[in-house]
Amino acid sequence: MLEPLRQGLPPLDPSAVAGSASCTLPPRYEAVGGARSFTRTTLTSWDLGDRFDDVALVVSELVTNALRHALPADQARERHDCSVRLHLMRWTSRLVCAVRDPSQESPVAGEAADSAESGRGLFLVESFSDSWGWHPSPAPVGDALGGSPRGKVVWALFRLADQISVAPAPAFPLLTAAKQAEAVRDGV
């Protein structure tokens, strides 16, 4: 049942991860700036600083959505069980940003009016990442509730340029080998 939600995610094998970092964010909107700072530091340490703009925009939207829609609006918001966590995971050819929050409600991309100041977050996530999705968060190890899911994880995947050098494209990509030899012989 969860497989369609996990499509596009890198393998879960921890030994395949080239790098990972996570942080707990306070349940306040000011945490979005901290999430961007954490993202910049992490991407720079992974030599991926050139991807910061797109990744930071997506991180900002995912964290804002978690704070706005997944946390209770009452004064009990500072409780420990209301935390939001940002995870950044890097594989050789992929980067995943994941935000875990305590809500089990699925994220919904809405239609925002042209004059609206909000409501476009998931549209931006979809536009700037290569894919995104969500799945219920697994319960923490040793959970007294018997391993039932608690909250959700919303993730966005970015494909990274391969580090392997690519052979140059042929000078005559649409010609057969015989036609290429003839074109070279004729000085084309």
N, C-alpha and C. Protein backbone atom coordinates (compact mmCIF):
# COMPACT_ATOMS: atom_id res chain seq x y z
N MET A 1 0.82 -1.20 0.00
CA MET A 1 0.00 0.00 0.00
C MET A 1 0.86 1.26 0.00
N LEU A 2 2.00 1.25 0.66
CA LEU A 2 2.83 2.44 0.74
C LEU A 2 3.79 2.58 -0.44
N GLU A 3 3.98 1.53 -1.23
CA GLU A 3 4.97 1.59 -2.30
C GLU A 3 4.76 2.76 -3.25
N PRO A 4 3.51 3.08 -3.70
CA PRO A 4 3.38 4.24 -4.59
C PRO A 4 3.85 5.54 -3.94
N LEU A 5 3.75 5.64 -2.62
CA LEU A 5 4.20 6.84 -1.93
C LEU A 5 5.72 6.92 -1.87
N ARG A 6 6.38 5.78 -2.00
CA ARG A 6 7.83 5.72 -1.88
C ARG A 6 8.53 5.73 -3.23
N GLN A 7 7.80 5.78 -4.33
CA GLN A 7 8.43 5.75 -5.64
C GLN A 7 9.42 6.90 -5.76
N GLY A 8 10.57 6.61 -6.34
CA GLY A 8 11.58 7.63 -6.55
C GLY A 8 12.53 7.81 -5.38
N LEU A 9 12.23 7.22 -4.24
CA LEU A 9 13.15 7.34 -3.11
C LEU A 9 14.36 6.45 -3.32
N PRO A 10 15.51 6.90 -2.89
CA PRO A 10 16.70 6.05 -2.97
C PRO A 10 16.53 4.83 -2.08
N PRO A 11 17.38 3.83 -2.27
CA PRO A 11 17.28 2.64 -1.44
C PRO A 11 17.46 2.99 0.03
N LEU A 12 16.82 2.23 0.88
CA LEU A 12 16.88 2.51 2.31
C LEU A 12 18.11 1.93 2.98
N ASP A 13 18.96 1.25 2.23
CA ASP A 13 20.18 0.66 2.77
C ASP A 13 21.09 1.76 3.32
N PRO A 14 21.30 1.81 4.65
CA PRO A 14 22.11 2.88 5.23
C PRO A 14 23.55 2.91 4.71
N SER A 15 24.07 1.75 4.29
CA SER A 15 25.45 1.73 3.81
C SER A 15 25.59 2.40 2.44
N ALA A 16 24.46 2.59 1.74
CA ALA A 16 24.51 3.22 0.42
C ALA A 16 24.48 4.75 0.52
N VAL A 17 24.19 5.28 1.67
CA VAL A 17 24.11 6.73 1.86
C VAL A 17 25.52 7.31 1.92
N ALA A 18 25.77 8.34 1.09
CA ALA A 18 27.09 8.99 1.08
C ALA A 18 27.19 10.04 2.19
N GLY A 19 26.06 10.53 2.66
CA GLY A 19 26.06 11.52 3.74
C GLY A 19 24.65 11.75 4.22
N SER A 20 24.52 12.04 5.50
CA SER A 20 23.20 12.37 6.03
C SER A 20 23.37 13.32 7.21
N ALA A 21 22.38 14.15 7.39
CA ALA A 21 22.38 15.11 8.50
C ALA A 21 20.93 15.39 8.85
N SER A 22 20.67 15.63 10.11
CA SER A 22 19.30 15.96 10.52
C SER A 22 19.34 16.91 11.70
N CYS A 23 18.24 17.62 11.86
CA CYS A 23 18.12 18.53 13.00
C CYS A 23 16.66 18.60 13.42
N THR A 24 16.46 18.86 14.69
CA THR A 24 15.12 19.07 15.23
C THR A 24 14.86 20.57 15.21
N LEU A 25 13.69 20.94 14.74
CA LEU A 25 13.33 22.35 14.62
C LEU A 25 12.28 22.71 15.67
N PRO A 26 12.41 23.87 16.27
CA PRO A 26 11.41 24.29 17.25
C PRO A 26 10.08 24.57 16.55
N PRO A 27 8.96 24.40 17.24
CA PRO A 27 7.65 24.62 16.62
C PRO A 27 7.29 26.10 16.51
N ARG A 28 8.14 26.85 15.84
CA ARG A 28 7.93 28.29 15.61
C ARG A 28 8.31 28.61 14.18
N TYR A 29 7.65 29.59 13.58
CA TYR A 29 7.94 29.93 12.18
C TYR A 29 9.36 30.42 11.97
N GLU A 30 10.00 30.92 13.02
CA GLU A 30 11.39 31.35 12.90
C GLU A 30 12.31 30.17 12.58
N ALA A 31 11.82 28.97 12.79
CA ALA A 31 12.61 27.77 12.52
C ALA A 31 12.92 27.61 11.03
N VAL A 32 12.13 28.23 10.17
CA VAL A 32 12.36 28.11 8.73
C VAL A 32 13.73 28.69 8.37
N GLY A 33 14.10 29.82 8.97
CA GLY A 33 15.43 30.40 8.74
C GLY A 33 16.53 29.48 9.23
N GLY A 34 16.32 28.85 10.37
CA GLY A 34 17.29 27.88 10.89
C GLY A 34 17.42 26.68 9.97
N ALA A 35 16.31 26.24 9.37
CA ALA A 35 16.34 25.11 8.44
C ALA A 35 17.16 25.47 7.20
N ARG A 36 16.99 26.70 6.71
CA ARG A 36 17.79 27.13 5.54
C ARG A 36 19.27 27.21 5.89
N SER A 37 19.58 27.71 7.07
CA SER A 37 20.98 27.80 7.50
C SER A 37 21.59 26.40 7.63
N PHE A 38 20.85 25.48 8.24
CA PHE A 38 21.30 24.11 8.36
C PHE A 38 21.54 23.49 6.98
N THR A 39 20.64 23.78 6.06
CA THR A 39 20.76 23.26 4.68
C THR A 39 22.00 23.82 4.01
N ARG A 40 22.24 25.12 4.15
CA ARG A 40 23.43 25.72 3.53
C ARG A 40 24.71 25.08 4.08
N THR A 41 24.80 24.95 5.39
CA THR A 41 25.99 24.36 6.01
C THR A 41 26.21 22.93 5.53
N THR A 42 25.12 22.16 5.49
CA THR A 42 25.22 20.75 5.09
C THR A 42 25.61 20.63 3.62
N LEU A 43 24.94 21.36 2.75
CA LEU A 43 25.25 21.26 1.32
C LEU A 43 26.68 21.73 1.03
N THR A 44 27.13 22.76 1.71
CA THR A 44 28.50 23.24 1.52
C THR A 44 29.50 22.18 1.95
N SER A 45 29.22 21.50 3.05
CA SER A 45 30.14 20.45 3.52
C SER A 45 30.16 19.26 2.56
N TRP A 46 29.09 19.07 1.79
CA TRP A 46 29.03 17.99 0.81
C TRP A 46 29.48 18.46 -0.57
N ASP A 47 29.98 19.68 -0.68
CA ASP A 47 30.40 20.27 -1.96
C ASP A 47 29.22 20.36 -2.94
N LEU A 48 28.05 20.68 -2.40
CA LEU A 48 26.84 20.85 -3.21
C LEU A 48 26.25 22.25 -3.06
N GLY A 49 27.10 23.21 -2.74
CA GLY A 49 26.63 24.58 -2.53
C GLY A 49 25.92 25.16 -3.73
N ASP A 50 26.25 24.69 -4.93
CA ASP A 50 25.61 25.20 -6.13
C ASP A 50 24.13 24.79 -6.21
N ARG A 51 23.70 23.84 -5.41
CA ARG A 51 22.30 23.41 -5.40
C ARG A 51 21.48 24.10 -4.31
N PHE A 52 22.13 25.00 -3.54
CA PHE A 52 21.47 25.59 -2.37
C PHE A 52 20.16 26.29 -2.71
N ASP A 53 20.11 27.11 -3.73
CA ASP A 53 18.90 27.91 -3.98
C ASP A 53 17.65 27.04 -4.14
N ASP A 54 17.72 26.05 -5.01
CA ASP A 54 16.56 25.18 -5.23
C ASP A 54 16.24 24.35 -3.98
N VAL A 55 17.27 23.78 -3.37
CA VAL A 55 17.04 22.93 -2.20
C VAL A 55 16.51 23.76 -1.04
N ALA A 56 17.05 24.94 -0.82
CA ALA A 56 16.58 25.79 0.28
C ALA A 56 15.13 26.22 0.09
N LEU A 57 14.74 26.51 -1.13
CA LEU A 57 13.35 26.87 -1.38
C LEU A 57 12.43 25.71 -1.02
N VAL A 58 12.79 24.50 -1.42
CA VAL A 58 11.98 23.33 -1.12
C VAL A 58 11.97 23.05 0.39
N VAL A 59 13.12 23.14 1.04
CA VAL A 59 13.18 22.94 2.49
C VAL A 59 12.29 23.97 3.18
N SER A 60 12.37 25.22 2.76
CA SER A 60 11.53 26.26 3.37
C SER A 60 10.05 25.92 3.25
N GLU A 61 9.64 25.47 2.08
CA GLU A 61 8.22 25.14 1.88
C GLU A 61 7.80 23.93 2.70
N LEU A 62 8.63 22.88 2.73
CA LEU A 62 8.27 21.69 3.50
C LEU A 62 8.18 21.99 4.99
N VAL A 63 9.15 22.76 5.51
CA VAL A 63 9.13 23.10 6.93
C VAL A 63 7.95 24.02 7.25
N THR A 64 7.70 25.00 6.40
CA THR A 64 6.56 25.90 6.61
C THR A 64 5.25 25.11 6.64
N ASN A 65 5.09 24.19 5.69
CA ASN A 65 3.87 23.37 5.68
C ASN A 65 3.74 22.56 6.95
N ALA A 66 4.83 21.98 7.43
CA ALA A 66 4.78 21.20 8.67
C ALA A 66 4.37 22.09 9.84
N LEU A 67 4.94 23.27 9.91
CA LEU A 67 4.63 24.18 11.02
C LEU A 67 3.20 24.71 10.92
N ARG A 68 2.74 25.00 9.72
CA ARG A 68 1.42 25.60 9.53
C ARG A 68 0.29 24.57 9.63
N HIS A 69 0.49 23.40 9.05
CA HIS A 69 -0.63 22.47 8.93
C HIS A 69 -0.54 21.24 9.83
N ALA A 70 0.64 20.92 10.33
CA ALA A 70 0.79 19.66 11.06
C ALA A 70 0.87 19.82 12.56
N LEU A 71 1.13 21.02 13.03
CA LEU A 71 1.25 21.23 14.47
C LEU A 71 -0.01 21.87 15.01
N PRO A 72 -0.38 21.52 16.23
CA PRO A 72 -1.57 22.14 16.82
C PRO A 72 -1.35 23.63 17.03
N ALA A 73 -2.41 24.38 16.93
CA ALA A 73 -2.33 25.84 17.06
C ALA A 73 -2.44 26.31 18.50
N ASP A 74 -2.54 25.41 19.46
CA ASP A 74 -2.71 25.83 20.84
C ASP A 74 -1.37 26.08 21.55
N GLN A 75 -1.43 26.46 22.80
CA GLN A 75 -0.23 26.79 23.56
C GLN A 75 0.62 25.56 23.86
N ALA A 76 0.09 24.37 23.72
CA ALA A 76 0.85 23.16 24.02
C ALA A 76 1.84 22.82 22.91
N ARG A 77 2.03 23.72 21.99
CA ARG A 77 2.89 23.50 20.83
C ARG A 77 4.34 23.25 21.20
N GLU A 78 4.78 23.72 22.32
CA GLU A 78 6.17 23.57 22.72
C GLU A 78 6.47 22.17 23.28
N ARG A 79 5.47 21.29 23.34
CA ARG A 79 5.69 19.95 23.85
C ARG A 79 6.68 19.20 22.97
N HIS A 80 7.35 18.23 23.56
CA HIS A 80 8.38 17.45 22.84
C HIS A 80 7.79 16.66 21.67
N ASP A 81 6.56 16.13 21.82
CA ASP A 81 5.99 15.29 20.78
C ASP A 81 5.51 16.10 19.58
N CYS A 82 5.65 17.40 19.60
CA CYS A 82 5.24 18.25 18.49
C CYS A 82 6.44 18.71 17.67
N SER A 83 7.52 17.99 17.73
CA SER A 83 8.71 18.44 17.01
C SER A 83 8.61 18.16 15.52
N VAL A 84 9.34 18.95 14.78
CA VAL A 84 9.51 18.79 13.34
C VAL A 84 10.98 18.50 13.13
N ARG A 85 11.29 17.51 12.30
CA ARG A 85 12.70 17.17 12.02
C ARG A 85 12.97 17.32 10.54
N LEU A 86 14.12 17.90 10.24
CA LEU A 86 14.60 18.03 8.87
C LEU A 86 15.72 17.03 8.68
N HIS A 87 15.62 16.23 7.64
CA HIS A 87 16.66 15.25 7.30
C HIS A 87 17.15 15.55 5.89
N LEU A 88 18.46 15.57 5.72
CA LEU A 88 19.08 15.69 4.40
C LEU A 88 19.92 14.44 4.19
N MET A 89 19.70 13.77 3.09
CA MET A 89 20.42 12.53 2.79
C MET A 89 20.97 12.61 1.37
N ARG A 90 22.22 12.23 1.25
CA ARG A 90 22.89 12.31 -0.05
C ARG A 90 23.36 10.93 -0.48
N TRP A 91 23.04 10.60 -1.71
CA TRP A 91 23.58 9.42 -2.37
C TRP A 91 24.48 9.94 -3.48
N THR A 92 25.12 9.09 -4.23
CA THR A 92 26.02 9.53 -5.29
C THR A 92 25.31 10.42 -6.30
N SER A 93 24.11 10.03 -6.68
CA SER A 93 23.42 10.77 -7.73
C SER A 93 22.11 11.40 -7.29
N ARG A 94 21.81 11.38 -5.98
CA ARG A 94 20.55 11.92 -5.51
C ARG A 94 20.71 12.58 -4.15
N LEU A 95 19.87 13.57 -3.93
CA LEU A 95 19.78 14.25 -2.64
C LEU A 95 18.32 14.23 -2.24
N VAL A 96 18.03 13.86 -1.01
CA VAL A 96 16.66 13.85 -0.51
C VAL A 96 16.57 14.78 0.69
N CYS A 97 15.56 15.64 0.67
CA CYS A 97 15.20 16.48 1.80
C CYS A 97 13.91 15.88 2.35
N ALA A 98 13.87 15.59 3.62
CA ALA A 98 12.68 15.00 4.23
C ALA A 98 12.34 15.75 5.50
N VAL A 99 11.06 16.03 5.69
CA VAL A 99 10.60 16.71 6.89
C VAL A 99 9.58 15.80 7.57
N ARG A 100 9.85 15.46 8.82
CA ARG A 100 8.95 14.63 9.61
C ARG A 100 8.18 15.51 10.56
N ASP A 101 6.86 15.31 10.63
CA ASP A 101 6.02 16.07 11.56
C ASP A 101 5.05 15.12 12.24
N PRO A 102 4.36 15.56 13.30
CA PRO A 102 3.50 14.66 14.07
C PRO A 102 2.12 14.40 13.48
N SER A 103 1.75 15.05 12.40
CA SER A 103 0.42 14.87 11.82
C SER A 103 0.38 13.65 10.91
N GLN A 104 -0.74 12.94 10.92
CA GLN A 104 -0.93 11.83 10.00
C GLN A 104 -1.73 12.25 8.77
N GLU A 105 -2.11 13.51 8.70
CA GLU A 105 -2.86 14.03 7.56
C GLU A 105 -1.95 14.13 6.34
N SER A 106 -2.44 13.70 5.20
CA SER A 106 -1.63 13.77 3.99
C SER A 106 -1.52 15.21 3.50
N PRO A 107 -0.38 15.56 2.90
CA PRO A 107 -0.26 16.90 2.34
C PRO A 107 -1.16 17.02 1.11
N VAL A 108 -1.76 18.19 0.92
CA VAL A 108 -2.67 18.40 -0.19
C VAL A 108 -2.24 19.66 -0.94
N ALA A 109 -1.99 19.48 -2.23
CA ALA A 109 -1.67 20.65 -3.07
C ALA A 109 -2.98 21.35 -3.38
N GLY A 110 -3.05 22.62 -3.01
CA GLY A 110 -4.28 23.37 -3.22
C GLY A 110 -4.20 24.30 -4.41
N GLU A 111 -5.33 24.80 -4.79
CA GLU A 111 -5.42 25.81 -5.84
C GLU A 111 -5.45 27.17 -5.15
N ALA A 112 -4.44 27.99 -5.38
CA ALA A 112 -4.38 29.31 -4.77
C ALA A 112 -4.87 30.35 -5.77
N ALA A 113 -5.64 31.30 -5.26
CA ALA A 113 -6.07 32.41 -6.10
C ALA A 113 -4.85 33.22 -6.51
N ASP A 114 -4.94 33.89 -7.66
CA ASP A 114 -3.81 34.68 -8.16
C ASP A 114 -3.34 35.71 -7.14
N SER A 115 -4.26 36.26 -6.35
CA SER A 115 -3.89 37.30 -5.38
C SER A 115 -3.52 36.73 -4.01
N ALA A 116 -3.62 35.42 -3.83
CA ALA A 116 -3.32 34.81 -2.53
C ALA A 116 -1.83 34.88 -2.21
N GLU A 117 -1.52 35.08 -0.93
CA GLU A 117 -0.13 35.15 -0.50
C GLU A 117 0.41 33.79 -0.06
N SER A 118 -0.44 32.79 -0.01
CA SER A 118 0.00 31.45 0.37
C SER A 118 -0.79 30.43 -0.44
N GLY A 119 -0.44 29.15 -0.26
CA GLY A 119 -1.17 28.10 -0.93
C GLY A 119 -0.47 27.51 -2.13
N ARG A 120 0.77 27.92 -2.37
CA ARG A 120 1.52 27.41 -3.52
C ARG A 120 2.73 26.56 -3.13
N GLY A 121 2.86 26.22 -1.86
CA GLY A 121 4.05 25.52 -1.37
C GLY A 121 4.34 24.22 -2.08
N LEU A 122 3.35 23.33 -2.17
CA LEU A 122 3.60 22.04 -2.81
C LEU A 122 3.78 22.18 -4.31
N PHE A 123 3.16 23.19 -4.91
CA PHE A 123 3.42 23.47 -6.32
C PHE A 123 4.89 23.84 -6.52
N LEU A 124 5.43 24.66 -5.62
CA LEU A 124 6.85 25.02 -5.71
C LEU A 124 7.75 23.81 -5.47
N VAL A 125 7.38 22.97 -4.50
CA VAL A 125 8.16 21.76 -4.23
C VAL A 125 8.19 20.89 -5.49
N GLU A 126 7.04 20.71 -6.11
CA GLU A 126 6.98 19.90 -7.33
C GLU A 126 7.77 20.54 -8.47
N SER A 127 7.75 21.86 -8.55
CA SER A 127 8.44 22.57 -9.65
C SER A 127 9.96 22.56 -9.51
N PHE A 128 10.47 22.64 -8.29
CA PHE A 128 11.91 22.78 -8.09
C PHE A 128 12.63 21.47 -7.79
N SER A 129 11.90 20.43 -7.40
CA SER A 129 12.53 19.13 -7.15
C SER A 129 12.21 18.20 -8.32
N ASP A 130 12.91 17.08 -8.37
CA ASP A 130 12.65 16.11 -9.43
C ASP A 130 11.45 15.24 -9.12
N SER A 131 11.18 15.01 -7.86
CA SER A 131 9.96 14.31 -7.44
C SER A 131 9.76 14.56 -5.95
N TRP A 132 8.55 14.31 -5.49
CA TRP A 132 8.26 14.46 -4.08
C TRP A 132 7.16 13.48 -3.71
N GLY A 133 7.01 13.24 -2.43
CA GLY A 133 5.97 12.35 -1.96
C GLY A 133 5.92 12.37 -0.45
N TRP A 134 5.20 11.44 0.11
CA TRP A 134 5.09 11.36 1.56
C TRP A 134 4.75 9.93 1.95
N HIS A 135 4.97 9.61 3.18
CA HIS A 135 4.57 8.32 3.74
C HIS A 135 4.44 8.46 5.25
N PRO A 136 3.64 7.59 5.87
CA PRO A 136 3.53 7.64 7.33
C PRO A 136 4.90 7.41 7.96
N SER A 137 5.16 8.11 9.03
CA SER A 137 6.43 7.97 9.73
C SER A 137 6.39 6.71 10.59
N PRO A 138 7.44 5.90 10.51
CA PRO A 138 7.46 4.73 11.40
C PRO A 138 7.58 5.17 12.85
N ALA A 139 7.03 4.37 13.72
CA ALA A 139 7.12 4.67 15.15
C ALA A 139 8.56 4.51 15.61
N PRO A 140 8.97 5.28 16.59
CA PRO A 140 10.32 5.13 17.12
C PRO A 140 10.55 3.74 17.69
N VAL A 141 11.78 3.28 17.65
CA VAL A 141 12.14 1.98 18.21
C VAL A 141 11.78 1.98 19.69
N GLY A 142 11.16 0.89 20.15
CA GLY A 142 10.78 0.79 21.56
C GLY A 142 9.53 1.56 21.90
N ASP A 143 8.74 1.95 20.89
CA ASP A 143 7.52 2.71 21.12
C ASP A 143 6.53 1.89 21.93
N ALA A 144 5.99 2.48 22.97
CA ALA A 144 5.05 1.80 23.85
C ALA A 144 3.70 1.56 23.15
N LEU A 145 3.44 2.24 22.04
CA LEU A 145 2.17 2.09 21.34
C LEU A 145 2.16 0.90 20.40
N GLY A 146 3.19 0.09 20.42
CA GLY A 146 3.19 -1.12 19.63
C GLY A 146 3.62 -0.95 18.19
N GLY A 147 4.38 0.05 17.89
CA GLY A 147 4.92 0.22 16.54
C GLY A 147 3.97 0.85 15.54
N SER A 148 2.90 1.48 15.99
CA SER A 148 1.99 2.12 15.04
C SER A 148 2.63 3.41 14.52
N PRO A 149 2.33 3.77 13.26
CA PRO A 149 2.92 4.99 12.70
C PRO A 149 2.52 6.22 13.50
N ARG A 150 3.43 7.17 13.59
CA ARG A 150 3.16 8.43 14.27
C ARG A 150 3.66 9.55 13.39
N GLY A 151 2.73 10.26 12.81
CA GLY A 151 3.10 11.38 11.96
C GLY A 151 3.40 10.93 10.54
N LYS A 152 4.08 11.80 9.82
CA LYS A 152 4.40 11.51 8.43
C LYS A 152 5.74 12.12 8.08
N VAL A 153 6.26 11.68 6.94
CA VAL A 153 7.48 12.22 6.36
C VAL A 153 7.12 12.71 4.97
N VAL A 154 7.40 13.98 4.69
CA VAL A 154 7.21 14.53 3.35
C VAL A 154 8.61 14.75 2.80
N TRP A 155 8.87 14.22 1.60
CA TRP A 155 10.23 14.24 1.05
C TRP A 155 10.23 14.84 -0.36
N ALA A 156 11.39 15.34 -0.73
CA ALA A 156 11.62 15.83 -2.09
C ALA A 156 12.98 15.31 -2.54
N LEU A 157 13.03 14.85 -3.77
CA LEU A 157 14.26 14.27 -4.33
C LEU A 157 14.84 15.20 -5.39
N PHE A 158 16.14 15.36 -5.35
CA PHE A 158 16.89 16.12 -6.35
C PHE A 158 17.91 15.19 -6.99
N ARG A 159 17.92 15.13 -8.29
CA ARG A 159 18.95 14.35 -8.97
C ARG A 159 20.21 15.20 -9.04
N LEU A 160 21.35 14.57 -8.78
CA LEU A 160 22.64 15.26 -8.83
C LEU A 160 23.37 14.84 -10.10
N ALA A 161 24.16 15.74 -10.64
CA ALA A 161 24.95 15.41 -11.82
C ALA A 161 25.91 14.29 -11.47
N ASP A 162 26.03 13.33 -12.36
CA ASP A 162 26.97 12.23 -12.13
C ASP A 162 28.39 12.77 -12.06
N GLN A 163 29.17 12.20 -11.19
CA GLN A 163 30.55 12.62 -11.02
C GLN A 163 31.46 12.02 -12.07
N ILE A 164 30.95 11.05 -12.85
CA ILE A 164 31.75 10.39 -13.87
C ILE A 164 31.77 11.26 -15.12
N SER A 165 32.94 11.44 -15.71
CA SER A 165 33.00 12.26 -16.90
C SER A 165 32.28 11.56 -18.04
N VAL A 166 31.59 12.34 -18.83
CA VAL A 166 30.79 11.81 -19.93
C VAL A 166 31.56 12.02 -21.23
N ALA A 167 31.56 11.01 -22.08
CA ALA A 167 32.24 11.12 -23.39
C ALA A 167 31.53 12.19 -24.21
N PRO A 168 32.29 12.94 -25.00
CA PRO A 168 31.65 13.98 -25.81
C PRO A 168 30.69 13.37 -26.82
N ALA A 169 29.65 14.14 -27.14
CA ALA A 169 28.67 13.68 -28.12
C ALA A 169 29.33 13.60 -29.49
N PRO A 170 28.91 12.67 -30.32
CA PRO A 170 29.50 12.57 -31.66
C PRO A 170 29.22 13.82 -32.46
N ALA A 171 30.13 14.16 -33.35
CA ALA A 171 29.99 15.37 -34.16
C ALA A 171 28.81 15.27 -35.11
N PHE A 172 28.47 14.07 -35.52
CA PHE A 172 27.37 13.87 -36.46
C PHE A 172 26.36 12.91 -35.83
N PRO A 173 25.57 13.36 -34.86
CA PRO A 173 24.74 12.44 -34.10
C PRO A 173 23.66 11.74 -34.91
N LEU A 174 23.20 12.31 -36.01
CA LEU A 174 22.12 11.70 -36.77
C LEU A 174 22.60 10.90 -37.97
N LEU A 175 23.91 10.83 -38.21
CA LEU A 175 24.45 10.12 -39.35
C LEU A 175 24.95 8.75 -38.95
N THR A 176 24.82 7.80 -39.85
CA THR A 176 25.39 6.48 -39.60
C THR A 176 26.90 6.58 -39.70
N ALA A 177 27.59 5.56 -39.24
CA ALA A 177 29.06 5.56 -39.29
C ALA A 177 29.56 5.73 -40.71
N ALA A 178 28.93 5.07 -41.70
CA ALA A 178 29.36 5.19 -43.10
C ALA A 178 29.15 6.62 -43.60
N LYS A 179 28.01 7.22 -43.25
CA LYS A 179 27.74 8.59 -43.68
C LYS A 179 28.71 9.56 -43.01
N GLN A 180 29.08 9.29 -41.72
CA GLN A 180 30.04 10.15 -41.03
C GLN A 180 31.39 10.12 -41.74
N ALA A 181 31.85 8.92 -42.13
CA ALA A 181 33.14 8.77 -42.82
C ALA A 181 33.08 9.50 -44.16
N GLU A 182 31.98 9.40 -44.86
CA GLU A 182 31.83 10.08 -46.15
C GLU A 182 31.84 11.60 -45.96
N ALA A 183 31.16 12.10 -44.90
CA ALA A 183 31.11 13.54 -44.64
C ALA A 183 32.49 14.06 -44.28
N VAL A 184 33.25 13.30 -43.49
CA VAL A 184 34.61 13.70 -43.12
C VAL A 184 35.50 13.73 -44.36
N ARG A 185 35.40 12.69 -45.22
CA ARG A 185 36.20 12.62 -46.43
C ARG A 185 35.90 13.79 -47.36
N ASP A 186 34.63 14.20 -47.41
CA ASP A 186 34.24 15.30 -48.31
C ASP A 186 34.46 16.65 -47.66
N GLY A 187 34.94 16.68 -46.42
CA GLY A 187 35.26 17.95 -45.75
C GLY A 187 34.06 18.67 -45.19
N VAL A 188 33.00 18.00 -44.96
CA VAL A 188 31.79 18.63 -44.40
C VAL A 188 31.98 18.90 -42.93
